[in-house]
C-alpha atoms as a PDB file:
ATOM      1  CA  UNK A   1       0.020  -0.085   0.142  1.00  0.00           C
ATOM      2  CA  UNK A   2       1.516   3.268  -1.219  1.00  0.00           C
ATOM      3  CA  UNK A   3       1.487   6.323   1.471  1.00  0.00           C
ATOM      4  CA  UNK A   4      -1.308   8.117  -0.579  1.00  0.00           C
ATOM      5  CA  UNK A   5      -3.379   4.844  -0.493  1.00  0.00           C
ATOM      6  CA  UNK A   6      -2.991   4.560   3.232  1.00  0.00           C
ATOM      7  CA  UNK A   7      -4.114   8.217   3.831  1.00  0.00           C
ATOM      8  CA  UNK A   8      -7.207   7.463   1.499  1.00  0.00           C
ATOM      9  CA  UNK A   9      -7.916   4.381   3.562  1.00  0.00           C
ATOM     10  CA  UNK A  10      -7.712   5.612   6.992  1.00  0.00           C
ATOM     11  CA  UNK A  11      -9.831   8.347   6.457  1.00  0.00           C
ATOM     12  CA  UNK A  12     -12.579   6.063   4.909  1.00  0.00           C
ATOM     13  CA  UNK A  13     -13.822   4.566   7.994  1.00  0.00           C
ATOM     14  CA  UNK A  14     -13.424   3.149  11.732  1.00  0.00           C
ATOM     15  CA  UNK A  15     -10.069   2.032  12.727  1.00  0.00           C
ATOM     16  CA  UNK A  16      -9.140  -0.329  15.729  1.00  0.00           C
ATOM     17  CA  UNK A  17      -6.315  -1.836  17.627  1.00  0.00           C
ATOM     18  CA  UNK A  18      -6.620  -5.582  18.192  1.00  0.00           C
ATOM     19  CA  UNK A  19      -5.239  -6.716  21.678  1.00  0.00           C
ATOM     20  CA  UNK A  20      -2.249  -8.881  21.829  1.00  0.00           C
ATOM     21  CA  UNK A  21      -3.012 -12.094  23.155  1.00  0.00           C
ATOM     22  CA  UNK A  22      -0.668 -13.775  25.586  1.00  0.00           C
ATOM     23  CA  UNK A  23      -0.566 -17.231  27.065  1.00  0.00           C
ATOM     24  CA  UNK A  24      -0.448 -17.809  31.018  1.00  0.00           C
ATOM     25  CA  UNK A  25       3.645 -17.760  30.892  1.00  0.00           C
ATOM     26  CA  UNK A  26       3.058 -14.375  29.337  1.00  0.00           C
ATOM     27  CA  UNK A  27       4.345 -15.234  25.994  1.00  0.00           C
ATOM     28  CA  UNK A  28       2.693 -14.394  22.562  1.00  0.00           C
ATOM     29  CA  UNK A  29      -0.107 -16.521  21.794  1.00  0.00           C
ATOM     30  CA  UNK A  30       0.049 -16.443  18.310  1.00  0.00           C
ATOM     31  CA  UNK A  31      -2.920 -18.803  17.052  1.00  0.00           C
ATOM     32  CA  UNK A  32      -5.398 -17.131  19.753  1.00  0.00           C
ATOM     33  CA  UNK A  33      -4.221 -13.611  18.298  1.00  0.00           C
ATOM     34  CA  UNK A  34      -4.697 -14.698  14.706  1.00  0.00           C
ATOM     35  CA  UNK A  35      -8.232 -16.084  15.313  1.00  0.00           C
ATOM     36  CA  UNK A  36      -9.148 -12.570  16.924  1.00  0.00           C
ATOM     37  CA  UNK A  37      -7.779 -10.741  13.890  1.00  0.00           C
ATOM     38  CA  UNK A  38      -9.442 -12.936  11.581  1.00  0.00           C
ATOM     39  CA  UNK A  39     -12.767 -12.296  13.296  1.00  0.00           C
ATOM     40  CA  UNK A  40     -12.523  -8.531  13.452  1.00  0.00           C
ATOM     41  CA  UNK A  41     -11.373  -8.604   9.624  1.00  0.00           C
ATOM     42  CA  UNK A  42     -14.852  -9.721   9.027  1.00  0.00           C
ATOM     43  CA  UNK A  43     -16.262  -6.342   9.937  1.00  0.00           C
ATOM     44  CA  UNK A  44     -16.090  -3.104   8.248  1.00  0.00           C
ATOM     45  CA  UNK A  45     -13.268  -1.596   9.743  1.00  0.00           C
ATOM     46  CA  UNK A  46     -10.892   0.446   7.495  1.00  0.00           C
ATOM     47  CA  UNK A  47      -7.860  -0.983   9.093  1.00  0.00           C
ATOM     48  CA  UNK A  48      -6.328  -2.567  12.178  1.00  0.00           C
ATOM     49  CA  UNK A  49      -3.163  -1.410  14.316  1.00  0.00           C
ATOM     50  CA  UNK A  50      -1.178  -4.434  15.125  1.00  0.00           C
ATOM     51  CA  UNK A  51       0.860  -3.748  18.188  1.00  0.00           C
ATOM     52  CA  UNK A  52      -0.540  -0.572  18.882  1.00  0.00           C
ATOM     53  CA  UNK A  53      -1.383   1.037  22.334  1.00  0.00           C
ATOM     54  CA  UNK A  54      -4.429  -1.469  23.104  1.00  0.00           C
ATOM     55  CA  UNK A  55      -2.184  -4.165  21.790  1.00  0.00           C
ATOM     56  CA  UNK A  56       0.366  -3.638  24.432  1.00  0.00           C
ATOM     57  CA  UNK A  57       3.325  -2.218  22.246  1.00  0.00           C
ATOM     58  CA  UNK A  58       4.742  -0.821  25.238  1.00  0.00           C
ATOM     59  CA  UNK A  59       5.039  -4.114  26.936  1.00  0.00           C
ATOM     60  CA  UNK A  60       6.357  -5.805  23.738  1.00  0.00           C
ATOM     61  CA  UNK A  61      10.231  -6.217  22.949  1.00  0.00           C
ATOM     62  CA  UNK A  62      11.232  -4.628  19.732  1.00  0.00           C
ATOM     63  CA  UNK A  63      11.819  -8.074  18.197  1.00  0.00           C
ATOM     64  CA  UNK A  64       8.216  -9.288  19.164  1.00  0.00           C
ATOM     65  CA  UNK A  65       6.550  -6.175  17.257  1.00  0.00           C
ATOM     66  CA  UNK A  66       7.341  -7.443  13.724  1.00  0.00           C
ATOM     67  CA  UNK A  67       6.306 -11.000  14.872  1.00  0.00           C
ATOM     68  CA  UNK A  68       2.859  -9.703  15.946  1.00  0.00           C
ATOM     69  CA  UNK A  69       2.648  -7.868  12.696  1.00  0.00           C
ATOM     70  CA  UNK A  70       3.511 -10.737  10.653  1.00  0.00           C
ATOM     71  CA  UNK A  71       0.781 -12.810  12.448  1.00  0.00           C
ATOM     72  CA  UNK A  72      -1.539 -10.032  11.866  1.00  0.00           C
ATOM     73  CA  UNK A  73      -1.008  -9.949   8.270  1.00  0.00           C
ATOM     74  CA  UNK A  74      -1.430 -13.562   7.727  1.00  0.00           C
ATOM     75  CA  UNK A  75      -4.896 -13.383   9.311  1.00  0.00           C
ATOM     76  CA  UNK A  76      -6.262  -9.995   8.117  1.00  0.00           C
ATOM     77  CA  UNK A  77      -7.014 -10.843   4.596  1.00  0.00           C
ATOM     78  CA  UNK A  78      -7.406  -7.632   2.659  1.00  0.00           C
ATOM     79  CA  UNK A  79      -7.822  -5.439   5.749  1.00  0.00           C
ATOM     80  CA  UNK A  80      -4.782  -3.215   5.946  1.00  0.00           C
ATOM     81  CA  UNK A  81      -2.476  -3.797   9.002  1.00  0.00           C
ATOM     82  CA  UNK A  82      -0.666  -0.661  10.364  1.00  0.00           C
ATOM     83  CA  UNK A  83       2.168  -1.432  12.875  1.00  0.00           C
ATOM     84  CA  UNK A  84       2.636   0.427  16.213  1.00  0.00           C
ATOM     85  CA  UNK A  85       6.309   1.834  16.160  1.00  0.00           C
ATOM     86  CA  UNK A  86       8.097   3.789  18.823  1.00  0.00           C
ATOM     87  CA  UNK A  87      10.834   3.978  21.808  1.00  0.00           C
ATOM     88  CA  UNK A  88      13.900   6.009  21.042  1.00  0.00           C
ATOM     89  CA  UNK A  89      14.668   7.212  17.430  1.00  0.00           C
ATOM     90  CA  UNK A  90      17.219   4.405  16.849  1.00  0.00           C
ATOM     91  CA  UNK A  91      14.933   1.709  17.987  1.00  0.00           C
ATOM     92  CA  UNK A  92      12.043   3.288  16.286  1.00  0.00           C
ATOM     93  CA  UNK A  93      13.641   3.246  12.853  1.00  0.00           C
ATOM     94  CA  UNK A  94      14.792  -0.411  13.274  1.00  0.00           C
ATOM     95  CA  UNK A  95      11.199  -1.271  14.394  1.00  0.00           C
ATOM     96  CA  UNK A  96       9.910   0.608  11.035  1.00  0.00           C
ATOM     97  CA  UNK A  97      12.470  -1.142   8.895  1.00  0.00           C
ATOM     98  CA  UNK A  98      11.220  -4.583  10.300  1.00  0.00           C
ATOM     99  CA  UNK A  99       7.725  -4.284   9.998  1.00  0.00           C
ATOM    100  CA  UNK A 100       8.250  -2.975   6.353  1.00  0.00           C
ATOM    101  CA  UNK A 101       9.893  -6.350   5.847  1.00  0.00           C
ATOM    102  CA  UNK A 102       6.965  -8.178   7.320  1.00  0.00           C
ATOM    103  CA  UNK A 103       4.522  -6.584   4.936  1.00  0.00           C
ATOM    104  CA  UNK A 104       2.773  -3.706   7.083  1.00  0.00           C
ATOM    105  CA  UNK A 105       0.950  -1.234   5.300  1.00  0.00           C
ATOM    106  CA  UNK A 106       2.032   1.516   7.405  1.00  0.00           C
ATOM    107  CA  UNK A 107       3.235   2.537  10.984  1.00  0.00           C
ATOM    108  CA  UNK A 108       1.639   4.557  13.770  1.00  0.00           C
ATOM    109  CA  UNK A 109       4.400   6.447  15.372  1.00  0.00           C
ATOM    110  CA  UNK A 110       3.621   6.315  19.176  1.00  0.00           C
ATOM    111  CA  UNK A 111       5.478   8.776  21.828  1.00  0.00           C
ATOM    112  CA  UNK A 112       8.999   8.150  22.332  1.00  0.00           C
ATOM    113  CA  UNK A 113      10.291   6.741  25.651  1.00  0.00           C
ATOM    114  CA  UNK A 114      10.071   8.639  28.833  1.00  0.00           C
ATOM    115  CA  UNK A 115      11.570  11.966  28.412  1.00  0.00           C
ATOM    116  CA  UNK A 116      10.281  15.418  27.429  1.00  0.00           C
ATOM    117  CA  UNK A 117      11.753  16.892  24.255  1.00  0.00           C
ATOM    118  CA  UNK A 118      11.808  20.237  22.410  1.00  0.00           C
ATOM    119  CA  UNK A 119      10.121  20.628  19.226  1.00  0.00           C
ATOM    120  CA  UNK A 120      13.206  20.541  17.043  1.00  0.00           C
ATOM    121  CA  UNK A 121      14.196  17.019  18.880  1.00  0.00           C
ATOM    122  CA  UNK A 122      10.425  15.801  18.257  1.00  0.00           C
ATOM    123  CA  UNK A 123      10.944  17.012  14.547  1.00  0.00           C
ATOM    124  CA  UNK A 124      14.241  15.196  14.185  1.00  0.00           C
ATOM    125  CA  UNK A 125      12.798  12.116  15.743  1.00  0.00           C
ATOM    126  CA  UNK A 126       9.677  11.881  13.255  1.00  0.00           C
ATOM    127  CA  UNK A 127      11.805  12.704  10.475  1.00  0.00           C
ATOM    128  CA  UNK A 128      14.263  10.142  11.056  1.00  0.00           C
ATOM    129  CA  UNK A 129      11.528   7.522  11.136  1.00  0.00           C
ATOM    130  CA  UNK A 130       9.918   8.664   8.239  1.00  0.00           C
ATOM    131  CA  UNK A 131      13.308   8.565   6.274  1.00  0.00           C
ATOM    132  CA  UNK A 132      13.681   5.065   7.425  1.00  0.00           C
ATOM    133  CA  UNK A 133      10.635   3.483   5.467  1.00  0.00           C
ATOM    134  CA  UNK A 134       8.748   3.894   2.417  1.00  0.00           C
ATOM    135  CA  UNK A 135       5.564   3.243   4.048  1.00  0.00           C
ATOM    136  CA  UNK A 136       2.925   5.846   5.241  1.00  0.00           C
ATOM    137  CA  UNK A 137       3.596   7.113   8.704  1.00  0.00           C
ATOM    138  CA  UNK A 138       0.704   8.330  11.089  1.00  0.00           C
ATOM    139  CA  UNK A 139       2.121  10.557  13.974  1.00  0.00           C
ATOM    140  CA  UNK A 140       0.359  10.105  17.466  1.00  0.00           C
ATOM    141  CA  UNK A 141       0.397  13.347  19.568  1.00  0.00           C
ATOM    142  CA  UNK A 142       0.077  12.252  23.295  1.00  0.00           C
ATOM    143  CA  UNK A 143       1.957  12.280  26.546  1.00  0.00           C
ATOM    144  CA  UNK A 144       5.332  13.595  26.158  1.00  0.00           C
ATOM    145  CA  UNK A 145       5.323  13.671  22.310  1.00  0.00           C
ATOM    146  CA  UNK A 146       3.170  16.481  21.361  1.00  0.00           C
ATOM    147  CA  UNK A 147       3.873  18.465  18.218  1.00  0.00           C
ATOM    148  CA  UNK A 148       2.893  21.840  17.614  1.00  0.00           C
ATOM    149  CA  UNK A 149       1.092  23.003  14.378  1.00  0.00           C
ATOM    150  CA  UNK A 150       4.249  24.638  13.138  1.00  0.00           C
ATOM    151  CA  UNK A 151       6.182  21.312  13.631  1.00  0.00           C
ATOM    152  CA  UNK A 152       3.483  19.346  12.001  1.00  0.00           C
ATOM    153  CA  UNK A 153       3.329  21.330   8.995  1.00  0.00           C
ATOM    154  CA  UNK A 154       7.356  21.430   8.651  1.00  0.00           C
ATOM    155  CA  UNK A 155       7.250  17.580   8.792  1.00  0.00           C
ATOM    156  CA  UNK A 156       4.555  17.458   6.023  1.00  0.00           C
ATOM    157  CA  UNK A 157       6.669  19.433   3.829  1.00  0.00           C
ATOM    158  CA  UNK A 158       9.957  17.323   4.609  1.00  0.00           C
ATOM    159  CA  UNK A 159       8.475  13.966   4.761  1.00  0.00           C
ATOM    160  CA  UNK A 160       6.224  12.888   1.718  1.00  0.00           C
ATOM    161  CA  UNK A 161       5.221   9.714   3.357  1.00  0.00           C
ATOM    162  CA  UNK A 162       3.932  11.225   6.554  1.00  0.00           C
ATOM    163  CA  UNK A 163       0.166  10.920   5.670  1.00  0.00           C
ATOM    164  CA  UNK A 164      -1.533  11.093   9.088  1.00  0.00           C
ATOM    165  CA  UNK A 165      -2.083  12.804  12.408  1.00  0.00           C
ATOM    166  CA  UNK A 166      -3.626  11.259  15.263  1.00  0.00           C
ATOM    167  CA  UNK A 167      -4.783  13.097  18.464  1.00  0.00           C
ATOM    168  CA  UNK A 168      -4.712  11.909  21.821  1.00  0.00           C
ATOM    169  CA  UNK A 169      -4.327  15.079  23.728  1.00  0.00           C
ATOM    170  CA  UNK A 170      -7.866  16.478  23.869  1.00  0.00           C
ATOM    171  CA  UNK A 171      -6.351  19.697  23.247  1.00  0.00           C
ATOM    172  CA  UNK A 172      -9.235  21.301  20.949  1.00  0.00           C
ATOM    173  CA  UNK A 173      -7.205  24.487  20.176  1.00  0.00           C
ATOM    174  CA  UNK A 174      -4.204  22.562  19.184  1.00  0.00           C
ATOM    175  CA  UNK A 175      -5.962  20.033  17.119  1.00  0.00           C
ATOM    176  CA  UNK A 176      -7.949  22.956  15.128  1.00  0.00           C
ATOM    177  CA  UNK A 177      -4.785  24.889  14.367  1.00  0.00           C
ATOM    178  CA  UNK A 178      -3.044  21.690  13.006  1.00  0.00           C
ATOM    179  CA  UNK A 179      -6.112  20.653  10.897  1.00  0.00           C
ATOM    180  CA  UNK A 180      -6.291  24.360   9.812  1.00  0.00           C
ATOM    181  CA  UNK A 181      -2.714  24.643   9.083  1.00  0.00           C
ATOM    182  CA  UNK A 182      -2.290  21.088   7.155  1.00  0.00           C
ATOM    183  CA  UNK A 183      -5.531  21.076   5.704  1.00  0.00           C
ATOM    184  CA  UNK A 184      -5.849  17.915   3.269  1.00  0.00           C
ATOM    185  CA  UNK A 185      -2.301  17.500   3.134  1.00  0.00           C
ATOM    186  CA  UNK A 186      -2.948  14.688   6.128  1.00  0.00           C
ATOM    187  CA  UNK A 187      -5.656  12.555   7.338  1.00  0.00           C
ATOM    188  CA  UNK A 188      -6.605  13.009  10.785  1.00  0.00           C
ATOM    189  CA  UNK A 189      -7.666  10.516  13.352  1.00  0.00           C
ATOM    190  CA  UNK A 190      -9.065  10.657  16.751  1.00  0.00           C
ATOM    191  CA  UNK A 191      -7.243   8.868  19.287  1.00  0.00           C
ATOM    192  CA  UNK A 192      -8.411   9.766  22.989  1.00  0.00           C
ATOM    193  CA  UNK A 193      -9.102   6.720  25.199  1.00  0.00           C
ATOM    194  CA  UNK A 194     -12.719   5.412  24.481  1.00  0.00           C
ATOM    195  CA  UNK A 195     -12.723   7.987  21.653  1.00  0.00           C
ATOM    196  CA  UNK A 196     -16.337   7.792  21.281  1.00  0.00           C
ATOM    197  CA  UNK A 197     -16.972  10.174  24.079  1.00  0.00           C
ATOM    198  CA  UNK A 198     -15.257  12.829  21.938  1.00  0.00           C
ATOM    199  CA  UNK A 199     -16.139  11.811  18.587  1.00  0.00           C
ATOM    200  CA  UNK A 200     -18.853  14.479  18.004  1.00  0.00           C
ATOM    201  CA  UNK A 201     -16.448  17.362  18.749  1.00  0.00           C
ATOM    202  CA  UNK A 202     -13.466  15.842  16.925  1.00  0.00           C
ATOM    203  CA  UNK A 203     -15.648  15.267  13.917  1.00  0.00           C
ATOM    204  CA  UNK A 204     -16.888  19.129  13.861  1.00  0.00           C
ATOM    205  CA  UNK A 205     -13.144  19.949  13.618  1.00  0.00           C
ATOM    206  CA  UNK A 206     -12.494  17.814  10.709  1.00  0.00           C
ATOM    207  CA  UNK A 207     -11.179  14.797  12.478  1.00  0.00           C
ATOM    208  CA  UNK A 208     -13.949  12.484  11.014  1.00  0.00           C
ATOM    209  CA  UNK A 209     -12.369   9.106  11.858  1.00  0.00           C
ATOM    210  CA  UNK A 210     -10.920   7.570  14.883  1.00  0.00           C
ATOM    211  CA  UNK A 211      -9.876   4.268  16.495  1.00  0.00           C
ATOM    212  CA  UNK A 212     -12.224   2.295  18.435  1.00  0.00           C
ATOM    213  CA  UNK A 213     -10.869  -0.053  21.482  1.00  0.00           C
ATOM    214  CA  UNK A 214     -14.110  -1.277  22.035  1.00  0.00           C
ATOM    215  CA  UNK A 215     -14.334  -2.792  18.532  1.00  0.00           C
ATOM    216  CA  UNK A 216     -12.231  -5.515  20.162  1.00  0.00           C
ATOM    217  CA  UNK A 217     -15.348  -7.130  21.738  1.00  0.00           C
ATOM    218  CA  UNK A 218     -18.416  -5.177  20.508  1.00  0.00           C
ATOM    219  CA  UNK A 219     -17.772  -4.593  16.996  1.00  0.00           C
ATOM    220  CA  UNK A 220     -21.363  -4.286  15.832  1.00  0.00           C
ATOM    221  CA  UNK A 221     -21.999  -1.616  18.627  1.00  0.00           C
ATOM    222  CA  UNK A 222     -18.745   0.292  17.637  1.00  0.00           C
ATOM    223  CA  UNK A 223     -19.958   0.422  14.029  1.00  0.00           C
ATOM    224  CA  UNK A 224     -23.432   1.460  14.824  1.00  0.00           C
ATOM    225  CA  UNK A 225     -21.990   4.421  16.864  1.00  0.00           C
ATOM    226  CA  UNK A 226     -19.509   5.326  14.110  1.00  0.00           C
ATOM    227  CA  UNK A 227     -22.254   5.356  11.280  1.00  0.00           C
ATOM    228  CA  UNK A 228     -24.443   7.366  13.651  1.00  0.00           C
ATOM    229  CA  UNK A 229     -21.728   9.903  14.068  1.00  0.00           C
ATOM    230  CA  UNK A 230     -21.182  10.206  10.405  1.00  0.00           C
ATOM    231  CA  UNK A 231     -24.650  10.389   9.935  1.00  0.00           C
ATOM    232  CA  UNK A 232     -25.493  12.960  12.522  1.00  0.00           C
ATOM    233  CA  UNK A 233     -27.806  10.666  14.183  1.00  0.00           C
ATOM    234  CA  UNK A 234     -27.708  12.180  17.716  1.00  0.00           C
ATOM    235  CA  UNK A 235     -30.638   9.867  19.117  1.00  0.00           C
ATOM    236  CA  UNK A 236     -28.411   6.588  18.318  1.00  0.00           C
ATOM    237  CA  UNK A 237     -25.210   7.973  19.825  1.00  0.00           C
ATOM    238  CA  UNK A 238     -27.029   8.820  22.889  1.00  0.00           C
ATOM    239  CA  UNK A 239     -28.776   5.738  23.414  1.00  0.00           C
ATOM    240  CA  UNK A 240     -25.251   3.906  22.931  1.00  0.00           C
ATOM    241  CA  UNK A 241     -23.434   6.342  25.566  1.00  0.00           C
ATOM    242  CA  UNK A 242     -26.109   5.906  28.053  1.00  0.00           C
ATOM    243  CA  UNK A 243     -26.532   1.979  27.863  1.00  0.00           C
ATOM    244  CA  UNK A 244     -22.961   1.147  27.119  1.00  0.00           C
ATOM    245  CA  UNK A 245     -20.351   3.689  27.018  1.00  0.00           C
ATOM    246  CA  UNK A 246     -20.919   5.566  30.324  1.00  0.00           C
ATOM    247  CA  UNK A 247     -21.096   2.219  32.539  1.00  0.00           C
ATOM    248  CA  UNK A 248     -18.092   1.063  30.603  1.00  0.00           C
ATOM    249  CA  UNK A 249     -16.239   3.997  31.478  1.00  0.00           C
ATOM    250  CA  UNK A 250     -17.339   3.480  35.242  1.00  0.00           C
ATOM    251  CA  UNK A 251     -15.349   0.320  35.183  1.00  0.00           C
ATOM    252  CA  UNK A 252     -12.368   1.712  32.833  1.00  0.00           C
ATOM    253  CA  UNK A 253     -11.801   4.666  35.203  1.00  0.00           C
ATOM    254  CA  UNK A 254     -11.399   2.737  38.426  1.00  0.00           C
ATOM    255  CA  UNK A 255      -7.680   1.708  38.210  1.00  0.00           C
ATOM    256  CA  UNK A 256      -4.619   3.268  36.195  1.00  0.00           C
ATOM    257  CA  UNK A 257      -4.265   1.222  33.088  1.00  0.00           C
ATOM    258  CA  UNK A 258      -7.675   0.039  32.945  1.00  0.00           C
ATOM    259  CA  UNK A 259      -8.097   1.611  29.579  1.00  0.00           C
ATOM    260  CA  UNK A 260      -6.346  -1.250  28.093  1.00  0.00           C
ATOM    261  CA  UNK A 261      -7.237  -3.804  30.604  1.00  0.00           C
ATOM    262  CA  UNK A 262     -10.860  -3.377  30.236  1.00  0.00           C
ATOM    263  CA  UNK A 263     -10.690  -4.132  26.647  1.00  0.00           C
ATOM    264  CA  UNK A 264      -9.323  -7.566  27.478  1.00  0.00           C
ATOM    265  CA  UNK A 265     -11.955  -7.792  30.196  1.00  0.00           C
ATOM    266  CA  UNK A 266     -14.417  -7.316  27.317  1.00  0.00           C
ATOM    267  CA  UNK A 267     -13.147 -10.119  25.311  1.00  0.00           C
ATOM    268  CA  UNK A 268     -13.272 -12.341  28.422  1.00  0.00           C
ATOM    269  CA  UNK A 269     -16.835 -10.996  29.111  1.00  0.00           C
ATOM    270  CA  UNK A 270     -17.973 -12.351  25.687  1.00  0.00           C
ATOM    271  CA  UNK A 271     -16.297 -15.681  26.092  1.00  0.00           C
ATOM    272  CA  UNK A 272     -13.175 -14.879  23.837  1.00  0.00           C
ATOM    273  CA  UNK A 273     -10.396 -14.401  26.608  1.00  0.00           C
ATOM    274  CA  UNK A 274      -7.327 -13.148  25.348  1.00  0.00           C
ATOM    275  CA  UNK A 275      -5.039 -13.869  28.117  1.00  0.00           C
ATOM    276  CA  UNK A 276      -3.566 -11.942  30.901  1.00  0.00           C
ATOM    277  CA  UNK A 277      -2.045  -8.419  30.997  1.00  0.00           C
ATOM    278  CA  UNK A 278       1.821  -8.177  31.074  1.00  0.00           C
ATOM    279  CA  UNK A 279       2.974  -5.987  33.946  1.00  0.00           C
ATOM    280  CA  UNK A 280       3.055  -3.431  34.867  1.00  0.00           C
ATOM    281  CA  UNK A 281      -0.781  -3.409  33.918  1.00  0.00           C
ATOM    282  CA  UNK A 282      -3.394  -5.580  35.857  1.00  0.00           C
ATOM    283  CA  UNK A 283      -6.095  -7.759  34.938  1.00  0.00           C
ATOM    284  CA  UNK A 284      -9.640  -6.766  35.693  1.00  0.00           C
ATOM    285  CA  UNK A 285     -11.014  -8.938  38.614  1.00  0.00           C
ATOM    286  CA  UNK A 286     -13.619 -11.590  37.916  1.00  0.00           C
ATOM    287  CA  UNK A 287     -16.459  -9.547  39.483  1.00  0.00           C
ATOM    288  CA  UNK A 288     -15.420  -6.761  37.109  1.00  0.00           C
ATOM    289  CA  UNK A 289     -15.689  -9.077  34.248  1.00  0.00           C
ATOM    290  CA  UNK A 290     -18.948 -10.259  35.274  1.00  0.00           C
ATOM    291  CA  UNK A 291     -19.984  -6.461  35.439  1.00  0.00           C
ATOM    292  CA  UNK A 292     -18.859  -5.869  32.002  1.00  0.00           C
ATOM    293  CA  UNK A 293     -20.751  -8.918  30.709  1.00  0.00           C
ATOM    294  CA  UNK A 294     -23.886  -7.410  32.209  1.00  0.00           C
ATOM    295  CA  UNK A 295     -23.376  -4.036  30.605  1.00  0.00           C
ATOM    296  CA  UNK A 296     -22.857  -5.870  27.241  1.00  0.00           C
ATOM    297  CA  UNK A 297     -26.026  -7.565  27.870  1.00  0.00           C
ATOM    298  CA  UNK A 298     -27.996  -4.652  28.757  1.00  0.00           C
ATOM    299  CA  UNK A 299     -26.624  -2.480  25.693  1.00  0.00           C
ATOM    300  CA  UNK A 300     -28.307  -5.073  23.398  1.00  0.00           C
ATOM    301  CA  UNK A 301     -32.011  -4.644  24.844  1.00  0.00           C
END
């Protein structure tokens, strides 16, 4: 997939991050992961992110990420697979080259490791990763890696394969400025945790698509909400927010890291357990999984 093809694709529909399945000894459960990716690929997602944030990229080794991407590509059929990428610049460039060799259709560049950095440093980091691959690159504004509008514009000029901007900051003023500055040069993706809560506001700014974590275990509901958002169907969005998303958030917000753990808990709640979380994240309790199962059941009434 060329960078321009990736840009068109990610703007065309809902995106999602499959969780990464682990065995009880915390090793990668390839077979279970491929079954899950194959199931999700049967739904109308524009692309799937392998080893992304919900896929616990931060707890994978750099050598495991290409392995996860290869497994996803084998299972996804025609659905494009975008690889997570991150850590420091040298490691990120190496990951980009390796996942390209495994057939990834693009990369999502997550925040670099640990330290804050000035805009010139962030510019150099993103440009180095773009230069390391011919694939399309989506940069993720979040945490300690927040590009300002002029930096994004400079990168768009310097890196022809930078095709997407994803926001996880919730900074409305910054997002509006970036969209206004870069226009249709980039595709824009919403990336707040449980982005459905922010979808209407982002859509009004020109960020017309997003990645849905709950697509992992309630894909029909996730697509119903996305299609309602695109159609301006507020009653449907309000119903789904009330019946599913607000109760889900009550569980998600209980413990740090539950934004990811609750997704694996959702899979357990529908009988498709994906294995434990890798430390430092923790699993939902059995009681919380049962609560989540009831929320899913109630949302279908």
